[in-house]
C-alpha atoms as a PDB file:
ATOM      1  CA  MET A   1     127.243 -62.790  45.331  1.00  0.00           C
ATOM      2  CA  ARG A   2     130.339 -63.549  47.242  1.00  0.00           C
ATOM      3  CA  CYS A   3     133.119 -61.012  47.598  1.00  0.00           C
ATOM      4  CA  GLN A   4     136.553 -62.433  46.958  1.00  0.00           C
ATOM      5  CA  VAL A   5     139.438 -60.928  48.826  1.00  0.00           C
ATOM      6  CA  LYS A   6     142.774 -61.026  47.077  1.00  0.00           C
ATOM      7  CA  ARG A   7     145.562 -62.415  49.174  1.00  0.00           C
ATOM      8  CA  ILE A   8     148.626 -60.362  49.786  1.00  0.00           C
ATOM      9  CA  HIS A   9     151.740 -62.143  48.604  1.00  0.00           C
ATOM     10  CA  PRO A  10     154.161 -63.290  51.348  1.00  0.00           C
ATOM     11  CA  PHE A  11     156.972 -61.246  49.778  1.00  0.00           C
ATOM     12  CA  VAL A  12     154.966 -58.057  50.335  1.00  0.00           C
ATOM     13  CA  TYR A  13     154.235 -58.947  53.968  1.00  0.00           C
ATOM     14  CA  GLY A  14     157.886 -59.671  54.683  1.00  0.00           C
ATOM     15  CA  HIS A  15     159.108 -56.626  52.787  1.00  0.00           C
ATOM     16  CA  VAL A  16     156.771 -54.173  54.537  1.00  0.00           C
ATOM     17  CA  VAL A  17     157.189 -55.660  58.029  1.00  0.00           C
ATOM     18  CA  ALA A  18     160.967 -55.714  57.646  1.00  0.00           C
ATOM     19  CA  ALA A  19     160.826 -52.067  56.535  1.00  0.00           C
ATOM     20  CA  LEU A  20     158.785 -51.234  59.640  1.00  0.00           C
ATOM     21  CA  ILE A  21     161.300 -52.949  61.913  1.00  0.00           C
ATOM     22  CA  VAL A  22     164.420 -51.585  60.215  1.00  0.00           C
ATOM     23  CA  GLY A  23     163.038 -48.037  59.884  1.00  0.00           C
ATOM     24  CA  GLY A  24     161.883 -47.976  63.490  1.00  0.00           C
ATOM     25  CA  THR A  25     165.165 -49.359  64.750  1.00  0.00           C
ATOM     26  CA  ALA A  26     167.289 -46.965  62.711  1.00  0.00           C
ATOM     27  CA  GLY A  27     165.187 -43.996  63.778  1.00  0.00           C
ATOM     28  CA  ALA A  28     165.214 -45.084  67.411  1.00  0.00           C
ATOM     29  CA  THR A  29     168.926 -44.354  67.527  1.00  0.00           C
ATOM     30  CA  LEU A  30     167.906 -40.662  67.537  1.00  0.00           C
ATOM     31  CA  ASP A  31     164.539 -40.399  69.303  1.00  0.00           C
ATOM     32  CA  ALA A  32     160.918 -41.603  69.278  1.00  0.00           C
ATOM     33  CA  GLN A  33     159.779 -39.178  66.588  1.00  0.00           C
ATOM     34  CA  ALA A  34     162.611 -40.255  64.297  1.00  0.00           C
ATOM     35  CA  ALA A  35     161.688 -43.901  64.931  1.00  0.00           C
ATOM     36  CA  ILE A  36     158.100 -43.261  63.843  1.00  0.00           C
ATOM     37  CA  MET A  37     159.149 -41.225  60.809  1.00  0.00           C
ATOM     38  CA  GLY A  38     161.773 -43.787  59.809  1.00  0.00           C
ATOM     39  CA  ALA A  39     159.259 -46.623  60.072  1.00  0.00           C
ATOM     40  CA  ILE A  40     156.647 -44.733  58.046  1.00  0.00           C
ATOM     41  CA  ALA A  41     159.131 -43.642  55.370  1.00  0.00           C
ATOM     42  CA  LEU A  42     160.609 -47.102  54.904  1.00  0.00           C
ATOM     43  CA  MET A  43     157.174 -48.749  54.902  1.00  0.00           C
ATOM     44  CA  ALA A  44     155.930 -46.335  52.231  1.00  0.00           C
ATOM     45  CA  GLY A  45     159.022 -47.006  50.134  1.00  0.00           C
ATOM     46  CA  ALA A  46     158.562 -50.761  50.563  1.00  0.00           C
ATOM     47  CA  MET A  47     154.927 -50.533  49.460  1.00  0.00           C
ATOM     48  CA  ILE A  48     155.822 -48.561  46.342  1.00  0.00           C
ATOM     49  CA  SER A  49     158.674 -50.955  45.642  1.00  0.00           C
ATOM     50  CA  SER A  50     156.341 -53.937  46.054  1.00  0.00           C
ATOM     51  CA  VAL A  51     153.854 -52.516  43.566  1.00  0.00           C
ATOM     52  CA  ILE A  52     156.650 -52.065  41.020  1.00  0.00           C
ATOM     53  CA  CYS A  53     157.971 -55.579  41.697  1.00  0.00           C
ATOM     54  CA  TRP A  54     154.459 -56.971  41.241  1.00  0.00           C
ATOM     55  CA  TRP A  55     154.547 -55.562  37.713  1.00  0.00           C
ATOM     56  CA  LYS A  56     158.141 -56.478  36.893  1.00  0.00           C
ATOM     57  CA  PRO A  57     159.770 -59.026  37.649  1.00  0.00           C
ATOM     58  CA  GLY A  58     156.824 -60.503  39.578  1.00  0.00           C
ATOM     59  CA  PHE A  59     156.731 -61.864  43.117  1.00  0.00           C
ATOM     60  CA  GLU A  60     157.578 -65.397  41.998  1.00  0.00           C
ATOM     61  CA  ALA A  61     160.785 -64.308  40.262  1.00  0.00           C
ATOM     62  CA  PRO A  62     164.056 -65.822  41.447  1.00  0.00           C
ATOM     63  CA  ALA A  63     165.694 -64.015  44.354  1.00  0.00           C
ATOM     64  CA  TRP A  64     168.594 -62.795  42.214  1.00  0.00           C
ATOM     65  CA  GLN A  65     166.071 -60.786  40.147  1.00  0.00           C
ATOM     66  CA  LEU A  66     163.510 -59.852  42.797  1.00  0.00           C
ATOM     67  CA  ILE A  67     165.818 -58.478  45.502  1.00  0.00           C
ATOM     68  CA  PRO A  68     167.783 -56.036  43.282  1.00  0.00           C
ATOM     69  CA  ALA A  69     164.535 -54.910  41.646  1.00  0.00           C
ATOM     70  CA  ALA A  70     162.961 -54.298  45.063  1.00  0.00           C
ATOM     71  CA  ILE A  71     166.002 -52.353  46.249  1.00  0.00           C
ATOM     72  CA  LEU A  72     166.222 -50.150  43.161  1.00  0.00           C
ATOM     73  CA  ALA A  73     162.446 -49.583  42.939  1.00  0.00           C
ATOM     74  CA  ASN A  74     162.379 -48.002  46.387  1.00  0.00           C
ATOM     75  CA  PRO A  75     162.030 -44.214  46.010  1.00  0.00           C
ATOM     76  CA  LEU A  76     164.121 -43.638  49.161  1.00  0.00           C
ATOM     77  CA  MET A  77     166.979 -45.591  47.617  1.00  0.00           C
ATOM     78  CA  LEU A  78     166.739 -43.584  44.411  1.00  0.00           C
ATOM     79  CA  ALA A  79     166.783 -40.328  46.389  1.00  0.00           C
ATOM     80  CA  ALA A  80     169.779 -41.534  48.411  1.00  0.00           C
ATOM     81  CA  ILE A  81     171.654 -42.476  45.244  1.00  0.00           C
ATOM     82  CA  GLY A  82     170.836 -39.042  43.813  1.00  0.00           C
ATOM     83  CA  PHE A  83     172.242 -37.288  46.893  1.00  0.00           C
ATOM     84  CA  MET A  84     175.384 -39.425  46.726  1.00  0.00           C
ATOM     85  CA  VAL A  85     175.893 -38.619  43.041  1.00  0.00           C
ATOM     86  CA  VAL A  86     175.479 -34.885  43.648  1.00  0.00           C
ATOM     87  CA  ASP A  87     177.930 -34.932  46.576  1.00  0.00           C
ATOM     88  CA  TYR A  88     180.309 -37.510  45.146  1.00  0.00           C
ATOM     89  CA  GLU A  89     183.326 -35.632  46.548  1.00  0.00           C
ATOM     90  CA  CYS A  90     182.013 -36.288  50.050  1.00  0.00           C
ATOM     91  CA  VAL A  91     181.370 -39.947  49.291  1.00  0.00           C
ATOM     92  CA  VAL A  92     184.892 -40.588  47.996  1.00  0.00           C
ATOM     93  CA  GLY A  93     186.460 -38.492  50.775  1.00  0.00           C
ATOM     94  CA  SER A  94     187.988 -35.639  48.796  1.00  0.00           C
ATOM     95  CA  ARG A  95     185.753 -33.116  50.612  1.00  0.00           C
ATOM     96  CA  ARG A  96     184.910 -33.120  54.311  1.00  0.00           C
ATOM     97  CA  GLY A  97     183.019 -31.090  56.853  1.00  0.00           C
ATOM     98  CA  TRP A  98     179.467 -30.081  57.587  1.00  0.00           C
ATOM     99  CA  ASP A  99     178.756 -29.674  53.874  1.00  0.00           C
ATOM    100  CA  CYS A 100     178.868 -33.471  53.622  1.00  0.00           C
ATOM    101  CA  ILE A 101     176.054 -34.170  56.096  1.00  0.00           C
ATOM    102  CA  GLY A 102     173.581 -34.792  53.240  1.00  0.00           C
ATOM    103  CA  ALA A 103     175.854 -37.405  51.682  1.00  0.00           C
ATOM    104  CA  ALA A 104     176.391 -39.059  55.062  1.00  0.00           C
ATOM    105  CA  ILE A 105     172.645 -39.325  55.640  1.00  0.00           C
ATOM    106  CA  ALA A 106     172.190 -40.601  52.072  1.00  0.00           C
ATOM    107  CA  ILE A 107     174.703 -43.398  52.712  1.00  0.00           C
ATOM    108  CA  LEU A 108     172.832 -44.354  55.875  1.00  0.00           C
ATOM    109  CA  VAL A 109     169.462 -44.326  54.077  1.00  0.00           C
ATOM    110  CA  ALA A 110     170.840 -46.428  51.216  1.00  0.00           C
ATOM    111  CA  GLY A 111     172.165 -48.985  53.678  1.00  0.00           C
ATOM    112  CA  VAL A 112     168.840 -49.155  55.479  1.00  0.00           C
ATOM    113  CA  CYS A 113     166.936 -49.570  52.172  1.00  0.00           C
ATOM    114  CA  VAL A 114     168.930 -52.696  51.318  1.00  0.00           C
ATOM    115  CA  LEU A 115     167.595 -54.786  54.225  1.00  0.00           C
ATOM    116  CA  PRO A 116     163.764 -54.962  53.813  1.00  0.00           C
ATOM    117  CA  PRO A 117     163.719 -56.876  50.488  1.00  0.00           C
ATOM    118  CA  PHE A 118     165.662 -59.663  52.200  1.00  0.00           C
ATOM    119  CA  GLY A 119     162.901 -59.807  54.815  1.00  0.00           C
ATOM    120  CA  GLY A 120     160.373 -60.238  52.012  1.00  0.00           C
ATOM    121  CA  TRP A 121     162.447 -62.934  50.386  1.00  0.00           C
ATOM    122  CA  LEU A 122     162.884 -64.811  53.670  1.00  0.00           C
ATOM    123  CA  TRP A 123     159.161 -64.649  54.447  1.00  0.00           C
ATOM    124  CA  ARG A 124     158.336 -65.908  50.924  1.00  0.00           C
ATOM    125  CA  TRP A 125     160.810 -68.766  51.401  1.00  0.00           C
ATOM    126  CA  TRP A 126     159.334 -69.633  54.817  1.00  0.00           C
ATOM    127  CA  LYS A 127     155.763 -69.702  53.496  1.00  0.00           C
ATOM    128  CA  ARG A 128     156.762 -71.881  50.530  1.00  0.00           C
ATOM    129  CA  ARG A 129     158.553 -74.248  52.888  1.00  0.00           C
ATOM    130  CA  ALA A 130     155.489 -74.452  55.124  1.00  0.00           C
ATOM    131  CA  GLN A 131     153.268 -75.268  52.127  1.00  0.00           C
ATOM    132  CA  LYS A 132     155.556 -78.119  51.080  1.00  0.00           C
ATOM    133  CA  VAL A 133     155.544 -79.597  54.590  1.00  0.00           C
ATOM    134  CA  ARG A 134     151.759 -79.314  55.147  1.00  0.00           C
ATOM    135  CA  PRO A 135     150.532 -81.971  52.623  1.00  0.00           C
ATOM    136  CA  ALA A 136     152.922 -84.600  54.045  1.00  0.00           C
ATOM    137  CA  ASP A 137     151.588 -83.989  57.573  1.00  0.00           C
ATOM    138  CA  SER A 138     147.979 -84.611  56.541  1.00  0.00           C
ATOM    139  CA  MET A 139     148.585 -88.237  55.524  1.00  0.00           C
END
């Protein structure tokens, strides 16, 4: 009996690696521990998001469906949106001060969560492009 290993879709590779890079870079603006925690948190969110996107809309869905689904399926993004809704006065600027630090961090986290799905989409595009070029080279 031969064991078959399922291949990981290129979108997942790009999504998770982009989350690692973006999370590490964003955390590195503070210190090394924040870089590690940011990378781990964003990677975990990207993995959960990828599992949800595998179910719906599917990894072969058009980018206009896949990228928004991947962004909104990320639990970090949902938590950030929740914090922004709770502290909406801070987000719109009608309240200021140290009480708004949670909303400020939520805005930063939401911005960081937007980038990794584009990494997944770009890696999927690159791999598809490479597959189209390969058969022509073998002639």
